[in-house]
Structures are given as structure tokens and as C-alpha cells.
Amino acid sequence: MSKKKYLITGGTGFLGSALVRRLLSDGHEVTTFDDNSRGHPRRISSLNGALNVISGDIRNPEVVRNAFSGMEAVVHMAAVNGTEFFYSKPELVLDVAVRGILNVIDSCRHHNIGELSIASSSEVYQQPTHVPTSETERLIIPDISNPRYSYAGGKLLSELVAFNYGLTGFERVTVFRPHNVYGPDMGWEHVIPQLSLRLAENSRTHPSGPVPLEIQGDGSPQRAFIHIDDFTAGLMLVLNHGEHRSLYHIGNPEEISNSTLARKIAATRNREIEIIYGEEPSGATNRRCPDINKLIQLGFKPSISIDDGLKDTVKWYFDNAHLRSMP
């Protein structure tokens, strides 16, 4: 594939930084754009000198336009993710999504950037009618008064803008929907980090015997998780071979219940747990699993099982829990 000048918004985020490393290893020229409000410079600190780093707010049109100068391809991944933020900061979640996608589109057009790829989310499905779920599943916001849907609403708007503005002025626009990506240093607000940190804390007070571990709900909701290395490999297929105005699931259809996930996390530390069931948040989805046939047709095959992927992930959180309190 030809080498390109890429700009990655959200480039110090979990997904963005993994993509940055892969693009650089493939010989591309890479610029990151992030305000580090959700991302962190440590994720790309080892790459100093190998890429151009721009600090800026995706909501600022002038800053975004200046950053996009000279680029050939943009991957827009800047967002406020993490379920707890959907409930606590819905206005911020929407502000970043809405202003962000409009600034990205306007800046691409201003600089005649032909390739644009947009990160969406599996959150757009809520309660799907079919599982595994294909890209043709209906997209709904079941309750506009529930702040949980601020994130899904922002992603739906981003898809609408990308596909319709992409009718003119672009060579290729693609949308990808990540499905529960996990791995070391993935953030603090997701289920795997939260359970890992809770296990670490409770293990200190219960050095022997079963460790009490609280989970949300009754443990029956199911998810399909994909390791960050598999996700990045899938995303590269979309960037290199995805069709214009097409969307792709990036995930692993290996399903697992929340209670089984908790036990597998504990097993990586050779501990047994006593699960304490808690309240399920309003608007939570019972089951989410992607149909990835479109991505398979591009050559994708997930290679990392949840058992293998959890080993390095849980270890990272046990070893780095102190980073949570650092700026």
C-alpha cells in the first residue's frame, strides 16, 4: 500500500494510540491530535520523534483546520467514552461528538483531504433484534431523556454526517463500529478495568479464600470482547480496503456473560471469587455480539481469545493501579 500522511484525532486514546503505532510501523507519516482530556501522552511517549504531536480541542474549528493542513487521510477517533461519563457528563459527550464531526468534515473539505474514516460504536444498537448483529440492524435511541444515550446519539449523528457529507468532496469515507475493545491501559471507566481494580483491592483484604467481587446486575448480560491487537489489525483492513460510504463492525463474536468475565479475570490471578450482584444501570443492554462477516471478507480473522487477552490486561491494572490518581 502507498504511504500516506495520516492525522489521528484522539491519538493519545486507547484505540488511537494503538493505531498510531501500527501506522508508523507500516511506514506512514503520522500526526496525532488530542487535548489529552481522555487520552494520555504516556501511550505514545515511546514514539517521541517518530510522529508529529498536536495538542488541541476537537471542538475548536480554527485549531482543527490548522492541524489538518497537509494531511492525506484522517481517522476521527476523538470522543468522550466510558459509561460513567454518559450518565455524569452527557452535555460534554454530545458537545465533543457534534462539534467534533462538523469540524472534521469542514477541515477535510477545506484542505481537500480525500480519505476519512470515522469511529462509531456498538452502542448505536441498544437492544438489537438479531444477535449476532449485522451492520444493517436498526439504529434507535429508545429514550432521549436518559443521559446514557448521549454517547450513542453522538455516534449516530457522526455516521449521518459522514455518510451524507461524504457524497461529495471525498474519495472514500468509511465508518467502523468497535465492539468492546480491551487491553492494557484501556482507561479506568470500563468493566474489565473496574473489575480488575476491584479484585486487586479486595484481594489485599482477603489474602486467602474466595474474594468478594461486586458486579452490576445479575451477571447474565453478555458481551463479545476483542483484544486491542486484533482490533487494530481489523481497522487497518478497513483503512486499506474498505469501500466508500461503507461501515464495518470490528469485533470478535466470542460471547461471554458478565459473571463469567468476572471469574475469568480472577482466574488470571489464580483466585476464586464470591460474586455480589448489584443494581443494573438504566438503559443497559442485555446482549451485544457483532456479525463480522463484512470484515472477514476483507481478510480479517480474530486470533486472541478472551482467556489469553485478559492475562496481560489484568496484570497491567494490578501493576499500574497507582496511575489512576496521577494527572
Protein backbone atom coordinates (compact mmCIF):
# COMPACT_ATOMS: atom_id res chain seq x y z
CA MET A 1 0.00 0.00 0.00
CA SER A 2 1.16 3.56 -0.71
CA LYS A 3 2.50 5.56 2.20
CA LYS A 4 0.28 8.42 3.37
CA LYS A 5 0.20 11.37 5.72
CA TYR A 6 -2.33 10.39 8.39
CA LEU A 7 -3.88 12.53 11.10
CA ILE A 8 -5.47 10.66 14.02
CA THR A 9 -7.84 12.60 16.26
CA GLY A 10 -7.91 11.09 19.72
CA GLY A 11 -4.38 9.87 19.04
CA THR A 12 -3.42 9.51 22.72
CA GLY A 13 -6.52 7.46 23.46
CA PHE A 14 -6.53 3.70 23.85
CA LEU A 15 -7.67 2.89 20.32
CA GLY A 16 -5.97 5.87 18.71
CA SER A 17 -2.51 5.23 20.16
CA ALA A 18 -2.61 1.60 19.04
CA LEU A 19 -3.45 2.74 15.51
CA VAL A 20 -0.65 5.32 15.61
CA ARG A 21 1.92 2.64 16.47
CA ARG A 22 0.67 0.38 13.67
CA LEU A 23 0.65 3.14 11.05
CA LEU A 24 4.20 4.14 11.96
CA SER A 25 5.38 0.54 11.79
CA ASP A 26 3.89 0.33 8.29
CA GLY A 27 5.89 3.36 7.19
CA HIS A 28 3.21 6.06 7.17
CA GLU A 29 3.73 9.64 8.36
CA VAL A 30 1.52 10.23 11.39
CA THR A 31 0.21 13.28 13.24
CA THR A 32 -1.83 12.95 16.43
CA PHE A 33 -4.43 15.48 17.55
CA ASP A 34 -5.71 15.28 21.13
CA ASP A 35 -6.33 17.50 24.13
CA ASN A 36 -5.46 14.60 26.49
CA SER A 37 -8.65 15.07 28.49
CA ARG A 38 -9.40 11.37 27.97
CA GLY A 39 -6.20 10.19 26.34
CA HIS A 40 -2.75 10.30 27.90
CA PRO A 41 0.67 11.22 26.44
CA ARG A 42 2.27 8.16 28.10
CA ARG A 43 0.63 5.96 25.46
CA ILE A 44 2.77 7.49 22.71
CA SER A 45 5.75 8.74 24.75
CA SER A 46 8.00 5.98 23.40
CA LEU A 47 7.33 7.31 19.89
CA ASN A 48 8.75 10.78 20.51
CA GLY A 49 10.49 11.99 17.38
CA ALA A 50 8.71 9.48 15.17
CA LEU A 51 5.49 11.45 14.82
CA ASN A 52 4.05 14.96 14.95
CA VAL A 53 2.02 15.66 18.10
CA ILE A 54 -0.58 18.45 18.17
CA SER A 55 -2.43 19.36 21.34
CA GLY A 56 -5.87 20.81 20.68
CA ASP A 57 -9.61 20.66 21.31
CA ILE A 58 -11.63 18.96 18.58
CA ARG A 59 -14.42 21.48 19.28
CA ASN A 60 -12.26 24.43 18.17
CA PRO A 61 -12.74 24.88 14.39
CA GLU A 62 -9.67 27.05 13.80
CA VAL A 63 -7.34 24.73 15.68
CA VAL A 64 -8.70 21.68 13.87
CA ARG A 65 -8.41 23.35 10.47
CA ASN A 66 -4.78 24.30 11.08
CA ALA A 67 -3.94 20.78 12.28
CA PHE A 68 -5.37 19.18 9.13
CA SER A 69 -3.12 21.14 6.77
CA GLY A 70 -1.04 18.86 4.54
CA MET A 71 -2.82 15.63 5.52
CA GLU A 72 -3.91 12.96 3.02
CA ALA A 73 -6.08 10.81 5.31
CA VAL A 74 -7.89 11.40 8.61
CA VAL A 75 -9.12 8.87 11.17
CA HIS A 76 -11.52 10.58 13.57
CA MET A 77 -11.47 8.80 16.95
CA ALA A 78 -11.78 11.70 19.40
CA ALA A 79 -14.69 11.12 21.81
CA VAL A 80 -15.68 11.09 25.46
CA ASN A 81 -16.09 7.37 26.12
CA GLY A 82 -16.75 5.44 29.33
CA THR A 83 -20.21 4.55 30.60
CA GLU A 84 -19.91 6.58 33.77
CA PHE A 85 -19.39 9.74 31.68
CA PHE A 86 -22.54 9.04 29.65
CA TYR A 87 -24.51 9.44 32.87
CA SER A 88 -22.46 12.14 34.60
CA LYS A 89 -21.40 14.39 31.67
CA PRO A 90 -23.89 13.92 28.81
CA GLU A 91 -23.57 17.53 27.63
CA LEU A 92 -19.81 17.17 27.25
CA VAL A 93 -20.22 13.80 25.50
CA LEU A 94 -22.56 15.37 22.94
CA ASP A 95 -20.56 18.58 22.59
CA VAL A 96 -17.42 16.69 21.61
CA ALA A 97 -19.35 14.44 19.23
CA VAL A 98 -21.41 17.10 17.46
CA ARG A 99 -18.88 19.92 17.18
CA GLY A 100 -16.12 17.42 16.55
CA ILE A 101 -17.61 15.71 13.50
CA LEU A 102 -18.63 19.02 11.89
CA ASN A 103 -15.14 20.47 12.40
CA VAL A 104 -13.56 17.33 10.98
CA ILE A 105 -15.75 17.39 7.87
CA ASP A 106 -15.22 21.12 7.29
CA SER A 107 -11.46 20.86 7.74
CA CYS A 108 -11.18 17.87 5.39
CA ARG A 109 -13.07 19.77 2.72
CA HIS A 110 -11.04 22.92 3.26
CA HIS A 111 -7.79 21.04 2.70
CA ASN A 112 -9.14 18.65 0.02
CA ILE A 113 -8.40 15.58 2.14
CA GLY A 114 -9.81 12.64 0.19
CA GLU A 115 -9.90 9.86 2.80
CA LEU A 116 -11.84 9.98 6.05
CA SER A 117 -12.66 7.17 8.48
CA ILE A 118 -14.98 7.69 11.45
CA ALA A 119 -15.08 5.72 14.70
CA SER A 120 -18.64 4.89 15.73
CA SER A 121 -19.67 2.39 18.41
CA SER A 122 -21.68 -0.74 19.13
CA GLU A 123 -23.69 1.49 21.49
CA VAL A 124 -25.79 2.59 18.48
CA TYR A 125 -27.75 -0.69 18.62
CA GLN A 126 -29.15 -0.63 22.16
CA GLN A 127 -31.40 -3.75 22.15
CA PRO A 128 -30.71 -5.41 18.76
CA THR A 129 -33.37 -7.57 17.13
CA HIS A 130 -30.78 -10.11 15.94
CA VAL A 131 -27.66 -11.48 17.66
CA PRO A 132 -25.01 -11.75 16.28
CA THR A 133 -25.84 -8.31 14.94
CA SER A 134 -25.00 -7.17 11.42
CA GLU A 135 -24.33 -3.64 10.19
CA THR A 136 -27.89 -3.50 8.79
CA GLU A 137 -29.51 -3.65 12.27
CA ARG A 138 -31.93 -0.82 13.10
CA LEU A 139 -30.47 2.15 14.95
CA ILE A 140 -32.58 3.72 17.69
CA ILE A 141 -32.44 5.98 20.70
CA PRO A 142 -35.14 4.46 22.94
CA ASP A 143 -35.31 7.29 25.50
CA ILE A 144 -33.92 10.74 24.73
CA SER A 145 -34.28 11.74 28.40
CA ASN A 146 -31.85 9.03 29.56
CA PRO A 147 -28.33 10.52 29.59
CA ARG A 148 -26.80 7.12 28.83
CA TYR A 149 -27.81 7.60 25.21
CA SER A 150 -25.77 10.80 24.85
CA TYR A 151 -22.87 8.75 23.50
CA ALA A 152 -24.96 6.62 21.14
CA GLY A 153 -26.76 9.73 19.90
CA GLY A 154 -23.50 11.49 19.17
CA LYS A 155 -22.19 8.48 17.27
CA LEU A 156 -25.39 8.19 15.23
CA LEU A 157 -25.10 11.85 14.27
CA SER A 158 -21.45 11.32 13.30
CA GLU A 159 -22.42 8.47 11.00
CA LEU A 160 -25.18 10.54 9.38
CA VAL A 161 -22.84 13.46 8.79
CA ALA A 162 -20.04 11.28 7.44
CA PHE A 163 -22.22 9.31 5.03
CA ASN A 164 -24.18 12.26 3.69
CA TYR A 165 -21.43 14.85 3.57
CA GLY A 166 -19.32 12.09 2.04
CA LEU A 167 -21.50 12.09 -1.07
CA THR A 168 -19.34 14.89 -2.48
CA GLY A 169 -15.79 16.09 -1.98
CA PHE A 170 -14.30 12.80 -0.75
CA GLU A 171 -12.67 9.85 -2.47
CA ARG A 172 -13.51 7.45 0.34
CA VAL A 173 -15.43 7.71 3.60
CA THR A 174 -15.72 4.70 5.91
CA VAL A 175 -17.29 4.15 9.33
CA PHE A 176 -16.21 1.45 11.76
CA ARG A 177 -18.05 0.29 14.87
CA PRO A 178 -15.74 -1.12 17.58
CA HIS A 179 -17.27 -3.79 19.80
CA ASN A 180 -15.90 -3.85 23.36
CA VAL A 181 -12.19 -3.43 22.71
CA TYR A 182 -9.96 -4.26 25.66
CA GLY A 183 -6.29 -4.44 26.56
CA PRO A 184 -3.62 -2.93 28.82
CA ASP A 185 -4.06 0.78 29.63
CA MET A 186 -7.57 0.93 28.15
CA GLY A 187 -8.76 3.53 30.67
CA TRP A 188 -10.47 3.28 34.02
CA GLU A 189 -14.19 3.55 33.31
CA HIS A 190 -14.89 0.20 31.61
CA VAL A 191 -15.95 -3.14 33.02
CA ILE A 192 -12.64 -5.02 32.70
CA PRO A 193 -10.52 -2.31 34.39
CA GLN A 194 -13.14 -1.78 37.09
CA LEU A 195 -13.36 -5.47 37.92
CA SER A 196 -9.58 -5.83 37.79
CA LEU A 197 -9.02 -2.94 40.19
CA ARG A 198 -11.81 -4.13 42.49
CA LEU A 199 -10.23 -7.59 42.54
CA ALA A 200 -6.82 -6.11 43.36
CA GLU A 201 -8.22 -4.06 46.25
CA ASN A 202 -10.36 -6.85 47.68
CA SER A 203 -7.55 -9.38 47.35
CA ARG A 204 -5.50 -7.37 49.82
CA THR A 205 -8.22 -7.67 52.46
CA HIS A 206 -8.93 -11.31 51.57
CA PRO A 207 -5.48 -12.88 51.06
CA SER A 208 -6.92 -16.39 51.13
CA GLY A 209 -10.22 -17.98 50.19
CA PRO A 210 -12.82 -16.54 47.79
CA VAL A 211 -12.56 -12.82 47.10
CA PRO A 212 -15.87 -10.89 47.24
CA LEU A 213 -16.40 -9.09 43.94
CA GLU A 214 -19.38 -6.87 43.15
CA ILE A 215 -20.70 -6.70 39.59
CA GLN A 216 -23.55 -4.73 38.05
CA GLY A 217 -26.83 -6.59 37.60
CA ASP A 218 -27.41 -10.32 37.86
CA GLY A 219 -24.38 -11.32 35.79
CA SER A 220 -26.39 -12.60 32.83
CA PRO A 221 -25.81 -9.80 30.25
CA GLN A 222 -23.42 -10.95 27.53
CA ARG A 223 -20.73 -9.14 25.59
CA ALA A 224 -18.21 -10.06 22.91
CA PHE A 225 -14.77 -8.56 23.59
CA ILE A 226 -11.95 -8.02 21.11
CA HIS A 227 -8.32 -7.53 22.11
CA ILE A 228 -6.68 -4.28 21.03
CA ASP A 229 -4.18 -6.07 18.78
CA ASP A 230 -6.96 -7.84 16.87
CA PHE A 231 -8.95 -4.60 16.71
CA THR A 232 -6.05 -2.68 15.19
CA ALA A 233 -5.47 -5.40 12.61
CA GLY A 234 -9.17 -5.16 11.66
CA LEU A 235 -9.05 -1.38 11.48
CA MET A 236 -6.08 -1.49 9.12
CA LEU A 237 -8.12 -3.67 6.76
CA VAL A 238 -10.87 -1.04 6.79
CA LEU A 239 -8.40 1.78 6.13
CA ASN A 240 -6.69 -0.10 3.32
CA HIS A 241 -9.58 -1.93 1.68
CA GLY A 242 -12.89 -0.56 2.98
CA GLU A 243 -15.37 0.62 0.37
CA HIS A 244 -16.57 4.21 0.02
CA ARG A 245 -19.57 5.04 2.24
CA SER A 246 -19.48 1.62 3.89
CA LEU A 247 -19.45 0.68 7.55
CA TYR A 248 -17.77 -2.24 9.27
CA HIS A 249 -18.00 -4.00 12.60
CA ILE A 250 -14.66 -4.60 14.25
CA GLY A 251 -15.09 -7.21 16.93
CA ASN A 252 -14.81 -10.83 17.99
CA PRO A 253 -18.03 -12.89 18.14
CA GLU A 254 -16.75 -14.88 21.15
CA GLU A 255 -19.56 -14.13 23.65
CA ILE A 256 -19.20 -14.14 27.42
CA SER A 257 -21.53 -13.27 30.32
CA ASN A 258 -20.59 -10.64 32.89
CA SER A 259 -20.38 -13.23 35.67
CA THR A 260 -18.13 -15.48 33.59
CA LEU A 261 -15.97 -12.48 32.72
CA ALA A 262 -15.52 -11.73 36.42
CA ARG A 263 -14.44 -15.31 37.08
CA LYS A 264 -12.01 -15.30 34.16
CA ILE A 265 -10.45 -12.05 35.42
CA ALA A 266 -9.98 -13.65 38.85
CA ALA A 267 -8.53 -16.79 37.25
CA THR A 268 -5.68 -14.76 35.73
CA ARG A 269 -4.58 -14.12 39.35
CA ASN A 270 -5.31 -17.68 40.46
CA ARG A 271 -8.11 -16.53 42.72
CA GLU A 272 -11.68 -17.67 43.24
CA ILE A 273 -14.41 -15.11 43.80
CA GLU A 274 -17.75 -14.75 45.51
CA ILE A 275 -19.86 -12.64 43.18
CA ILE A 276 -22.01 -9.94 44.79
CA TYR A 277 -24.75 -8.86 42.42
CA GLY A 278 -25.67 -5.18 42.25
CA GLU A 279 -28.13 -2.89 40.52
CA GLU A 280 -28.21 -2.77 36.72
CA PRO A 281 -27.89 0.79 35.33
CA SER A 282 -30.91 2.12 33.46
CA GLY A 283 -30.56 1.63 29.71
CA ALA A 284 -28.02 -1.21 29.87
CA THR A 285 -28.11 -3.76 27.04
CA ASN A 286 -28.63 -7.46 27.75
CA ARG A 287 -26.63 -8.86 24.86
CA ARG A 288 -24.22 -7.47 22.29
CA CYS A 289 -22.30 -9.55 19.79
CA PRO A 290 -21.18 -8.49 16.29
CA ASP A 291 -21.61 -10.22 12.98
CA ILE A 292 -18.20 -9.59 11.40
CA ASN A 293 -18.76 -11.20 8.00
CA LYS A 294 -18.09 -7.94 6.15
CA LEU A 295 -14.70 -7.60 7.82
CA ILE A 296 -13.93 -11.29 7.28
CA GLN A 297 -14.45 -10.66 3.56
CA LEU A 298 -11.63 -8.12 3.77
CA GLY A 299 -9.38 -10.82 5.22
CA PHE A 300 -9.96 -10.46 8.98
CA LYS A 301 -9.70 -13.29 11.49
CA PRO A 302 -9.50 -12.62 15.25
CA SER A 303 -6.63 -14.54 16.81
CA ILE A 304 -6.63 -13.66 20.53
CA SER A 305 -9.06 -15.46 22.84
CA ILE A 306 -10.55 -13.74 25.88
CA ASP A 307 -8.56 -16.07 28.16
CA ASP A 308 -5.27 -15.11 26.54
CA GLY A 309 -6.11 -11.43 26.18
CA LEU A 310 -7.12 -10.99 29.81
CA LYS A 311 -3.72 -12.12 31.09
CA ASP A 312 -1.75 -9.04 30.03
CA THR A 313 -4.72 -6.74 30.60
CA VAL A 314 -5.43 -7.69 34.22
CA LYS A 315 -1.71 -7.77 35.02
CA TRP A 316 -1.35 -4.21 33.72
CA TYR A 317 -4.08 -2.97 36.06
CA PHE A 318 -2.64 -4.81 39.06
CA ASP A 319 0.80 -3.34 38.31
CA ASN A 320 -0.37 0.19 37.45
CA ALA A 321 -3.32 0.93 39.72
CA HIS A 322 -1.34 3.87 41.13
CA LEU A 323 -1.59 5.69 37.78
CA ARG A 324 -5.31 6.23 38.31
CA SER A 325 -4.67 9.06 40.78
CA MET A 326 -1.98 10.71 38.64
CA PRO A 327 -2.69 13.57 36.21
